[in-house]
Amino acid sequence: MLKFLLAFVFLTPLCFIKFGWWLVHSLIFVISFFYFFTFPYFMGWGNLGYVFGCDCISYGLILLSFWICVLMITASESIFRSSYYSGLFLFFVVLLIIMLFCTFGSVGLFSFYLFFESSLIPTVFIILGWGYQPERLQAGIYLLFYTLLASLPMLVGIFYVYGIMCSTSFFLLWGNNFFNGFFYFCMIFAFLVSMPMFLVHLWLPSAHVEAPVSGSMILAGVLLKLGGYGLLRIYSLLFNFFNLGFIWISISLVGGFLVSLICMCQTDLSSLIAYSSVAHMGIVIGGIMTMNYWGFCGSYTLMIAHGLCSSGLFCLANISYERLGSRSLLISRGMLSLMPSMSFWWFMLSACNMSAPPSLNLLGEISLLNSLVSWSWVSMLLLVFLSFFSAAYTLYLFSYSQHGMFYSGIYSCSLGYSREFLLLFLHWFPLNFFILKGDFVMFWL
């Protein structure tokens, strides 16, 4: 693990050289390629050191982090073209990769917490430095305060664990149950806000709307997964409290249904995609809280799938924004006439967003439906609405943006760049290809 960490550390000086943009971009691809061959073919930990290690769950999320971060650089070519502090932007992206790598690779609770919080710093700088609207300051403060305030109780919980066990290592805590309801709340609340769960989700749409495309990609692609990863890791400590899971499952399923209705009234492309993320993450929280194997595997699969799918949709929204200067559905109508080649990608990624086969989303959602229905038959009532409205708001997004009469101020036909087609293909291909090796994401090894 240290060799990959050092590789990224030594990338940082290259960010500031004259033609460093595509050099750094290519080198991150090369490092991702090498990391791809370190797959752990067993359920235990591998590549172990004193601080870092890797198992099946860490591996997939670290690879997702590398992939989304390198595609962030591809999507943000306008920063390089306009020379808008492109070296500093690259530096923050590489710093973010380092922080995410350390977060997912940590084998101790305290180091996980430390890097979990540190990954917010480059994200906030990307939103504040390269965001579009003056309201980005408020969005950055929302993001910081929601996540930092929720994380403080978790720090107290980690010290409590250390006081009892004299260790915060994941290996030594496995199977040790702590009988304390306050401790349970302290440990999971930070992750529920980070997911985000309904009722504490307001920071997410504001951050997405104000963030540049790279900020939206990393928020949707990886930072929402930090919460799910934390829950998967921490639940080995909290096995005695599985009977409290009904609280979070109820909030998540009802919230997912309400957020789906909110999606149906959005006119901003980014806002609609952001709210759909909240609805998807609601099902993931429900699956984890059922505390069974289907839920565990399904939530992990859906997190990987949603990271690729949602990030791709934000790229498409940004491609429309660069052509039209607006993300409003009222202005970006009839894009089928203006950008016919992009409509194909809108269709493919919208199909993945509504869990159509052969996407990885389908595999994740089937597992989560199994998990939640086996937990309680009553959950079927809400899952029916969730599945239906998931398709409804995705069709609303696709049909309103692609069909209809386009804005009269636009008279030309605009084709996409080869860079944009490559960017969208690199989102779509792994999303539909990994269904062929579903045993790796469902842990049937």
Protein backbone atom coordinates (compact mmCIF):
# COMPACT_ATOMS: atom_id res chain seq x y z
CA MET A 1 0.00 0.00 0.00
CA LEU A 2 2.88 2.35 0.79
CA LYS A 3 4.25 2.17 -2.77
CA PHE A 4 0.98 3.60 -4.16
CA LEU A 5 0.87 6.28 -1.46
CA LEU A 6 4.45 7.35 -2.24
CA ALA A 7 3.67 7.38 -5.98
CA PHE A 8 0.91 9.96 -5.38
CA VAL A 9 3.06 11.97 -2.96
CA PHE A 10 5.76 12.28 -5.64
CA LEU A 11 3.12 13.36 -8.18
CA THR A 12 2.47 16.62 -6.29
CA PRO A 13 5.52 18.57 -7.64
CA LEU A 14 4.52 17.64 -11.22
CA CYS A 15 1.22 19.53 -10.77
CA PHE A 16 3.01 22.89 -11.00
CA ILE A 17 5.20 22.34 -14.08
CA LYS A 18 4.23 23.99 -17.36
CA PHE A 19 2.69 21.00 -19.19
CA GLY A 20 1.85 18.99 -16.09
CA TRP A 21 -1.92 18.65 -16.63
CA TRP A 22 -1.99 15.72 -19.05
CA LEU A 23 1.22 14.24 -17.58
CA VAL A 24 -0.35 13.94 -14.11
CA HIS A 25 -3.58 12.71 -15.71
CA SER A 26 -1.75 9.93 -17.57
CA LEU A 27 0.35 8.92 -14.55
CA ILE A 28 -2.74 8.53 -12.34
CA PHE A 29 -4.18 6.22 -15.01
CA VAL A 30 -0.94 4.19 -14.92
CA ILE A 31 -1.00 3.94 -11.10
CA SER A 32 -4.68 2.87 -11.23
CA PHE A 33 -3.73 0.20 -13.76
CA PHE A 34 -1.01 -1.17 -11.46
CA TYR A 35 -3.36 -1.07 -8.47
CA PHE A 36 -5.89 -3.08 -10.46
CA PHE A 37 -3.54 -6.10 -10.29
CA THR A 38 -3.35 -6.14 -6.48
CA PHE A 39 -6.86 -7.60 -6.14
CA PRO A 40 -7.20 -9.60 -2.85
CA TYR A 41 -8.56 -13.01 -3.90
CA PHE A 42 -9.75 -13.84 -0.39
CA MET A 43 -12.04 -12.37 2.24
CA GLY A 44 -9.26 -11.40 4.68
CA TRP A 45 -6.85 -8.47 4.73
CA GLY A 46 -3.89 -8.22 2.39
CA ASN A 47 -1.06 -5.77 1.60
CA LEU A 48 -0.80 -5.16 5.33
CA GLY A 49 1.47 -2.66 7.05
CA TYR A 50 1.38 -0.97 10.44
CA VAL A 51 -1.14 1.67 9.38
CA PHE A 52 -2.57 0.60 6.00
CA GLY A 53 -4.11 -2.56 4.62
CA CYS A 54 -6.63 -3.68 2.06
CA ASP A 55 -9.48 -6.17 1.88
CA CYS A 56 -12.32 -6.67 -0.64
CA ILE A 57 -14.33 -3.66 0.57
CA SER A 58 -11.34 -1.30 0.71
CA TYR A 59 -10.03 -2.44 -2.65
CA GLY A 60 -13.19 -1.59 -4.62
CA LEU A 61 -13.60 1.83 -3.03
CA ILE A 62 -9.92 2.77 -3.43
CA LEU A 63 -10.09 1.81 -7.10
CA LEU A 64 -13.30 3.85 -7.46
CA SER A 65 -11.53 6.85 -5.85
CA PHE A 66 -8.62 6.61 -8.31
CA TRP A 67 -11.00 6.25 -11.25
CA ILE A 68 -13.31 9.14 -10.34
CA CYS A 69 -10.40 11.47 -9.51
CA VAL A 70 -8.66 10.85 -12.84
CA LEU A 71 -11.96 11.44 -14.65
CA MET A 72 -12.36 14.69 -12.68
CA ILE A 73 -9.21 15.95 -14.40
CA THR A 74 -10.57 14.82 -17.79
CA ALA A 75 -13.88 16.62 -17.18
CA SER A 76 -12.23 19.86 -15.98
CA GLU A 77 -10.28 20.61 -19.14
CA SER A 78 -11.87 24.09 -19.27
CA ILE A 79 -9.81 25.00 -16.15
CA PHE A 80 -6.63 24.01 -18.00
CA ARG A 81 -7.71 25.75 -21.21
CA SER A 82 -8.46 29.03 -19.45
CA SER A 83 -5.35 28.68 -17.19
CA TYR A 84 -7.51 29.30 -14.14
CA TYR A 85 -5.00 28.18 -11.47
CA SER A 86 -4.80 24.78 -13.13
CA GLY A 87 -1.67 23.74 -11.19
CA LEU A 88 -3.36 24.43 -7.86
CA PHE A 89 -6.46 22.54 -8.97
CA LEU A 90 -4.33 19.50 -9.89
CA PHE A 91 -2.58 19.71 -6.53
CA PHE A 92 -5.92 19.58 -4.67
CA VAL A 93 -7.07 16.60 -6.77
CA VAL A 94 -3.88 14.66 -5.99
CA LEU A 95 -4.18 15.63 -2.31
CA LEU A 96 -7.76 14.37 -2.35
CA ILE A 97 -6.65 11.04 -3.86
CA ILE A 98 -4.03 10.68 -1.10
CA MET A 99 -6.60 11.40 1.64
CA LEU A 100 -9.17 8.98 0.19
CA PHE A 101 -6.53 6.27 -0.27
CA CYS A 102 -5.49 6.67 3.38
CA THR A 103 -9.14 6.66 4.54
CA PHE A 104 -10.16 3.46 2.77
CA GLY A 105 -6.80 1.80 3.49
CA SER A 106 -6.72 2.53 7.25
CA VAL A 107 -6.73 -0.47 9.57
CA GLY A 108 -7.41 1.54 12.73
CA LEU A 109 -10.45 3.53 13.83
CA PHE A 110 -8.52 6.67 14.76
CA SER A 111 -6.50 6.89 11.53
CA PHE A 112 -9.74 6.25 9.61
CA TYR A 113 -11.41 9.16 11.44
CA LEU A 114 -8.42 11.44 10.85
CA PHE A 115 -8.30 10.89 7.10
CA PHE A 116 -12.13 10.80 6.87
CA GLU A 117 -12.20 14.41 8.10
CA SER A 118 -9.10 15.44 6.14
CA SER A 119 -10.70 14.43 2.83
CA LEU A 120 -13.20 17.28 3.30
CA ILE A 121 -10.48 19.94 3.16
CA PRO A 122 -9.47 19.57 -0.54
CA THR A 123 -13.16 19.12 -1.46
CA VAL A 124 -14.12 22.41 0.21
CA PHE A 125 -11.21 24.18 -1.52
CA ILE A 126 -12.32 22.82 -4.92
CA ILE A 127 -15.91 24.02 -4.30
CA LEU A 128 -14.83 27.45 -2.99
CA GLY A 129 -12.08 28.02 -5.56
CA TRP A 130 -13.67 26.77 -8.76
CA GLY A 131 -17.44 26.87 -8.04
CA TYR A 132 -19.79 28.83 -10.30
CA GLN A 133 -21.98 31.03 -8.08
CA PRO A 134 -21.32 33.44 -5.17
CA GLU A 135 -23.47 31.12 -2.99
CA ARG A 136 -20.62 28.57 -3.02
CA LEU A 137 -19.35 30.10 0.25
CA GLN A 138 -22.61 29.21 1.97
CA ALA A 139 -22.54 25.72 0.40
CA GLY A 140 -18.98 25.16 1.65
CA ILE A 141 -19.94 26.22 5.18
CA TYR A 142 -23.00 23.92 5.06
CA LEU A 143 -20.79 21.02 4.03
CA LEU A 144 -18.19 21.68 6.74
CA PHE A 145 -20.57 22.29 9.61
CA TYR A 146 -22.89 19.36 8.90
CA THR A 147 -20.06 16.86 8.60
CA LEU A 148 -17.71 18.22 11.28
CA LEU A 149 -20.39 18.68 13.96
CA ALA A 150 -21.72 15.16 13.35
CA SER A 151 -18.20 13.73 13.53
CA LEU A 152 -17.27 15.13 16.96
CA PRO A 153 -19.36 12.53 18.89
CA MET A 154 -17.61 9.84 16.86
CA LEU A 155 -14.22 11.05 18.12
CA VAL A 156 -15.49 10.68 21.71
CA GLY A 157 -16.73 7.16 20.82
CA ILE A 158 -13.29 6.21 19.44
CA PHE A 159 -11.62 7.36 22.68
CA TYR A 160 -14.18 5.30 24.62
CA VAL A 161 -13.25 2.21 22.58
CA TYR A 162 -9.55 2.86 23.15
CA GLY A 163 -10.14 3.24 26.89
CA ILE A 164 -11.77 -0.21 27.08
CA MET A 165 -9.76 -2.17 24.49
CA CYS A 166 -6.40 -0.27 24.54
CA SER A 167 -6.51 -0.49 20.73
CA THR A 168 -8.48 0.92 17.83
CA SER A 169 -7.39 -1.68 15.24
CA PHE A 170 -10.25 -3.19 13.21
CA PHE A 171 -8.85 -6.73 13.68
CA LEU A 172 -8.82 -6.59 17.47
CA LEU A 173 -12.29 -5.01 17.76
CA TRP A 174 -14.04 -7.70 15.69
CA GLY A 175 -16.71 -9.49 17.74
CA ASN A 176 -16.38 -7.23 20.79
CA ASN A 177 -19.80 -5.80 21.57
CA PHE A 178 -20.22 -2.57 23.53
CA PHE A 179 -23.42 -2.28 25.56
CA ASN A 180 -24.11 1.41 25.40
CA GLY A 181 -26.86 3.16 23.44
CA PHE A 182 -25.11 6.53 23.53
CA PHE A 183 -21.98 4.95 22.07
CA TYR A 184 -24.08 3.43 19.26
CA PHE A 185 -25.52 6.82 18.35
CA CYS A 186 -22.09 8.53 18.54
CA MET A 187 -20.46 6.04 16.21
CA ILE A 188 -23.06 5.94 13.43
CA PHE A 189 -24.37 9.51 13.36
CA ALA A 190 -21.29 10.88 11.53
CA PHE A 191 -21.71 8.26 8.81
CA LEU A 192 -25.46 8.82 8.46
CA VAL A 193 -24.86 12.55 7.87
CA SER A 194 -22.09 11.76 5.40
CA MET A 195 -24.28 9.32 3.40
CA PRO A 196 -26.54 11.53 3.70
CA MET A 197 -29.65 10.21 5.42
CA PHE A 198 -32.97 12.03 4.93
CA LEU A 199 -33.44 14.90 7.48
CA VAL A 200 -29.68 15.61 7.52
CA HIS A 201 -29.30 15.79 3.74
CA LEU A 202 -29.67 19.52 3.11
CA TRP A 203 -25.94 20.14 2.67
CA LEU A 204 -25.76 17.83 -0.37
CA PRO A 205 -28.01 19.59 -2.95
CA SER A 206 -26.56 23.02 -2.09
CA ALA A 207 -22.99 21.69 -2.38
CA HIS A 208 -23.75 20.01 -5.74
CA VAL A 209 -25.45 23.04 -7.24
CA GLU A 210 -22.56 25.37 -6.33
CA ALA A 211 -19.68 22.97 -6.99
CA PRO A 212 -17.79 22.77 -10.30
CA VAL A 213 -18.17 19.52 -12.25
CA SER A 214 -15.12 18.01 -10.52
CA GLY A 215 -16.58 18.82 -7.08
CA SER A 216 -19.91 17.23 -7.99
CA MET A 217 -18.18 14.15 -9.37
CA ILE A 218 -16.10 13.54 -6.25
CA LEU A 219 -19.02 14.31 -3.91
CA ALA A 220 -21.37 11.90 -5.65
CA GLY A 221 -18.73 9.38 -6.67
CA VAL A 222 -16.68 8.88 -3.54
CA LEU A 223 -17.44 11.13 -0.56
CA LEU A 224 -20.98 9.75 -0.10
CA LYS A 225 -19.39 6.28 -0.03
CA LEU A 226 -17.25 7.21 2.99
CA GLY A 227 -20.38 7.03 5.16
CA GLY A 228 -21.41 3.62 3.81
CA TYR A 229 -17.88 2.26 4.20
CA GLY A 230 -17.77 3.52 7.80
CA LEU A 231 -21.08 1.81 8.59
CA LEU A 232 -19.90 -1.48 7.08
CA ARG A 233 -16.72 -1.31 9.17
CA ILE A 234 -18.22 -0.12 12.44
CA TYR A 235 -21.12 -2.55 12.60
CA SER A 236 -18.86 -5.33 13.88
CA LEU A 237 -18.77 -3.32 17.14
CA LEU A 238 -22.51 -2.69 17.30
CA PHE A 239 -24.00 -6.11 16.73
CA ASN A 240 -26.02 -5.98 19.96
CA PHE A 241 -27.94 -2.96 18.69
CA PHE A 242 -29.34 -4.49 15.50
CA ASN A 243 -32.86 -4.18 17.00
CA LEU A 244 -32.52 -0.35 16.73
CA GLY A 245 -32.04 -0.59 12.98
CA PHE A 246 -35.78 -0.15 12.37
CA ILE A 247 -35.43 3.59 13.23
CA TRP A 248 -32.92 4.25 10.46
CA ILE A 249 -34.61 1.92 7.97
CA SER A 250 -37.97 3.70 8.50
CA ILE A 251 -36.44 7.18 8.12
CA SER A 252 -34.46 6.13 5.02
CA LEU A 253 -37.33 4.45 3.19
CA VAL A 254 -39.90 7.16 3.94
CA GLY A 255 -37.25 9.80 3.18
CA GLY A 256 -36.32 8.09 -0.09
CA PHE A 257 -39.97 8.20 -1.17
CA LEU A 258 -40.33 11.90 -0.24
CA VAL A 259 -37.05 12.83 -1.94
CA SER A 260 -38.23 11.01 -5.09
CA LEU A 261 -41.27 13.33 -5.09
CA ILE A 262 -38.95 16.33 -4.61
CA CYS A 263 -36.97 15.14 -7.66
CA MET A 264 -40.12 15.35 -9.76
CA CYS A 265 -40.38 19.12 -9.15
CA GLN A 266 -36.75 20.13 -9.81
CA THR A 267 -35.86 22.34 -12.76
CA ASP A 268 -32.09 22.37 -12.16
CA LEU A 269 -30.22 19.39 -13.67
CA SER A 270 -27.58 19.22 -10.90
CA SER A 271 -30.16 19.55 -8.16
CA LEU A 272 -32.26 16.73 -9.63
CA ILE A 273 -29.27 14.37 -9.86
CA ALA A 274 -28.19 15.33 -6.31
CA TYR A 275 -31.62 14.56 -4.85
CA SER A 276 -31.69 11.24 -6.71
CA SER A 277 -28.42 10.40 -4.90
CA VAL A 278 -30.18 10.93 -1.56
CA ALA A 279 -32.95 8.52 -2.62
CA HIS A 280 -30.43 5.84 -3.68
CA MET A 281 -28.38 6.22 -0.52
CA GLY A 282 -31.59 5.79 1.51
CA ILE A 283 -31.93 2.23 0.18
CA VAL A 284 -28.23 1.61 0.93
CA ILE A 285 -28.68 2.70 4.58
CA GLY A 286 -31.74 0.44 4.82
CA GLY A 287 -29.76 -2.52 3.46
CA ILE A 288 -26.85 -2.04 5.90
CA MET A 289 -29.18 -1.65 8.91
CA THR A 290 -30.95 -4.96 8.23
CA MET A 291 -27.65 -6.58 9.36
CA ASN A 292 -27.82 -9.51 6.94
CA TYR A 293 -25.50 -10.75 4.21
CA TRP A 294 -27.70 -9.70 1.27
CA GLY A 295 -27.87 -6.16 2.65
CA PHE A 296 -24.13 -6.03 3.28
CA CYS A 297 -23.20 -7.13 -0.26
CA GLY A 298 -26.01 -5.21 -1.98
CA SER A 299 -25.15 -1.92 -0.27
CA TYR A 300 -21.50 -2.26 -1.30
CA THR A 301 -22.48 -3.09 -4.92
CA LEU A 302 -24.92 -0.18 -5.15
CA MET A 303 -22.33 2.22 -3.71
CA ILE A 304 -19.84 1.29 -6.46
CA ALA A 305 -22.55 1.45 -9.15
CA HIS A 306 -24.01 4.76 -7.93
CA GLY A 307 -20.52 6.31 -7.79
CA LEU A 308 -19.97 5.67 -11.49
CA CYS A 309 -23.54 6.38 -12.66
CA SER A 310 -24.10 9.60 -10.71
CA SER A 311 -20.67 10.96 -11.62
CA GLY A 312 -21.42 10.30 -15.31
CA LEU A 313 -24.75 12.15 -15.08
CA PHE A 314 -23.01 15.17 -13.51
CA CYS A 315 -20.53 15.12 -16.43
CA LEU A 316 -23.46 15.19 -18.88
CA ALA A 317 -25.10 18.06 -16.98
CA ASN A 318 -21.80 19.97 -17.19
CA ILE A 319 -21.45 19.29 -20.94
CA SER A 320 -24.90 20.88 -21.43
CA TYR A 321 -23.93 23.74 -19.11
CA GLU A 322 -20.76 24.50 -21.10
CA ARG A 323 -22.81 24.78 -24.33
CA LEU A 324 -25.85 26.67 -23.01
CA GLY A 325 -24.58 28.55 -19.96
CA SER A 326 -27.48 27.22 -17.89
CA ARG A 327 -28.45 24.02 -16.12
CA SER A 328 -32.16 24.83 -16.13
CA LEU A 329 -34.44 22.21 -17.71
CA LEU A 330 -36.50 25.07 -19.13
CA ILE A 331 -33.56 26.25 -21.25
CA SER A 332 -31.78 22.94 -21.93
CA ARG A 333 -34.78 21.37 -23.67
CA GLY A 334 -34.65 19.72 -27.07
CA MET A 335 -30.99 18.75 -26.74
CA LEU A 336 -31.69 15.89 -29.15
CA SER A 337 -31.77 18.51 -31.94
CA LEU A 338 -28.72 20.41 -30.69
CA MET A 339 -26.44 17.55 -29.52
CA PRO A 340 -27.77 14.31 -31.02
CA SER A 341 -24.58 12.33 -30.26
CA MET A 342 -24.81 13.19 -26.53
CA SER A 343 -28.41 12.01 -26.32
CA PHE A 344 -27.16 8.44 -26.67
CA TRP A 345 -25.07 8.85 -23.53
CA TRP A 346 -27.95 10.55 -21.71
CA PHE A 347 -30.05 7.49 -22.51
CA MET A 348 -27.40 4.94 -21.47
CA LEU A 349 -26.64 6.59 -18.12
CA SER A 350 -30.31 7.33 -17.40
CA ALA A 351 -31.06 3.64 -17.99
CA CYS A 352 -28.33 2.74 -15.48
CA ASN A 353 -29.76 5.27 -12.99
CA MET A 354 -33.13 3.51 -13.05
CA SER A 355 -31.37 0.12 -12.57
CA ALA A 356 -32.01 -1.30 -16.02
CA PRO A 357 -30.05 -4.42 -16.96
CA PRO A 358 -27.17 -5.07 -17.50
CA SER A 359 -25.96 -2.36 -15.10
CA LEU A 360 -24.38 -2.99 -11.72
CA ASN A 361 -27.20 -0.91 -10.17
CA LEU A 362 -29.61 -3.75 -10.98
CA LEU A 363 -27.51 -6.30 -9.07
CA GLY A 364 -27.24 -3.98 -6.06
CA GLU A 365 -30.93 -3.10 -5.97
CA ILE A 366 -32.09 -6.73 -6.31
CA SER A 367 -29.87 -7.66 -3.33
CA LEU A 368 -31.17 -4.73 -1.27
CA LEU A 369 -34.79 -5.54 -2.10
CA ASN A 370 -34.15 -9.13 -0.98
CA SER A 371 -32.55 -7.88 2.21
CA LEU A 372 -35.29 -5.39 3.14
CA VAL A 373 -38.22 -7.67 2.25
CA SER A 374 -36.72 -10.54 4.28
CA TRP A 375 -36.31 -8.10 7.19
CA SER A 376 -39.97 -7.03 7.06
CA TRP A 377 -42.79 -7.54 4.56
CA VAL A 378 -44.13 -4.06 5.39
CA SER A 379 -41.09 -2.48 3.71
CA MET A 380 -42.50 -3.72 0.38
CA LEU A 381 -45.09 -0.92 0.47
CA LEU A 382 -42.40 1.77 0.36
CA LEU A 383 -40.01 -0.15 -1.90
CA VAL A 384 -42.73 -0.32 -4.58
CA PHE A 385 -43.00 3.49 -4.58
CA LEU A 386 -39.24 3.95 -4.42
CA SER A 387 -38.65 1.74 -7.47
CA PHE A 388 -41.50 3.33 -9.42
CA PHE A 389 -40.50 6.94 -8.71
CA SER A 390 -36.84 6.15 -9.37
CA ALA A 391 -37.85 5.28 -12.94
CA ALA A 392 -40.29 8.23 -13.06
CA TYR A 393 -37.82 11.01 -12.17
CA THR A 394 -35.12 9.49 -14.42
CA LEU A 395 -37.56 9.49 -17.36
CA TYR A 396 -38.56 13.04 -16.44
CA LEU A 397 -34.87 14.05 -16.51
CA PHE A 398 -34.23 12.36 -19.86
CA SER A 399 -37.43 13.36 -21.68
CA TYR A 400 -37.46 17.01 -20.54
CA SER A 401 -33.77 17.56 -21.36
CA GLN A 402 -33.72 15.74 -24.72
CA HIS A 403 -37.18 16.28 -26.25
CA GLY A 404 -39.38 19.30 -26.87
CA MET A 405 -38.76 22.64 -28.56
CA PHE A 406 -35.26 23.94 -27.86
CA TYR A 407 -34.50 27.47 -26.71
CA SER A 408 -34.92 29.94 -29.61
CA GLY A 409 -31.62 31.68 -28.86
CA ILE A 410 -29.70 28.57 -29.97
CA TYR A 411 -29.49 27.94 -33.70
CA SER A 412 -26.47 25.68 -34.18
CA CYS A 413 -25.72 21.98 -33.90
CA SER A 414 -23.03 21.14 -31.38
CA LEU A 415 -21.06 17.91 -31.46
CA GLY A 416 -19.14 16.60 -28.46
CA TYR A 417 -15.36 16.48 -28.19
CA SER A 418 -13.60 13.10 -28.28
CA ARG A 419 -12.47 13.87 -24.70
CA GLU A 420 -16.11 14.01 -23.60
CA PHE A 421 -17.02 10.75 -25.34
CA LEU A 422 -14.04 9.04 -23.71
CA LEU A 423 -15.03 10.47 -20.32
CA LEU A 424 -18.60 9.14 -20.60
CA PHE A 425 -17.45 5.78 -21.95
CA LEU A 426 -15.09 5.35 -18.99
CA HIS A 427 -18.05 5.90 -16.65
CA TRP A 428 -20.41 3.60 -18.51
CA PHE A 429 -18.10 0.70 -19.40
CA PRO A 430 -17.09 -0.43 -15.87
CA LEU A 431 -20.68 0.13 -14.70
CA ASN A 432 -21.98 -2.46 -17.19
CA PHE A 433 -18.91 -4.64 -17.51
CA PHE A 434 -18.58 -5.65 -13.84
CA ILE A 435 -21.97 -7.39 -13.92
CA LEU A 436 -20.04 -10.18 -15.71
CA LYS A 437 -17.88 -10.58 -12.59
CA GLY A 438 -20.60 -9.99 -10.02
CA ASP A 439 -18.96 -12.48 -7.66
CA PHE A 440 -16.24 -9.91 -6.90
CA VAL A 441 -18.66 -7.20 -5.81
CA MET A 442 -21.03 -9.64 -4.08
CA PHE A 443 -18.13 -11.34 -2.20
CA TRP A 444 -18.93 -14.86 -3.49
CA LEU A 445 -15.22 -15.58 -3.67
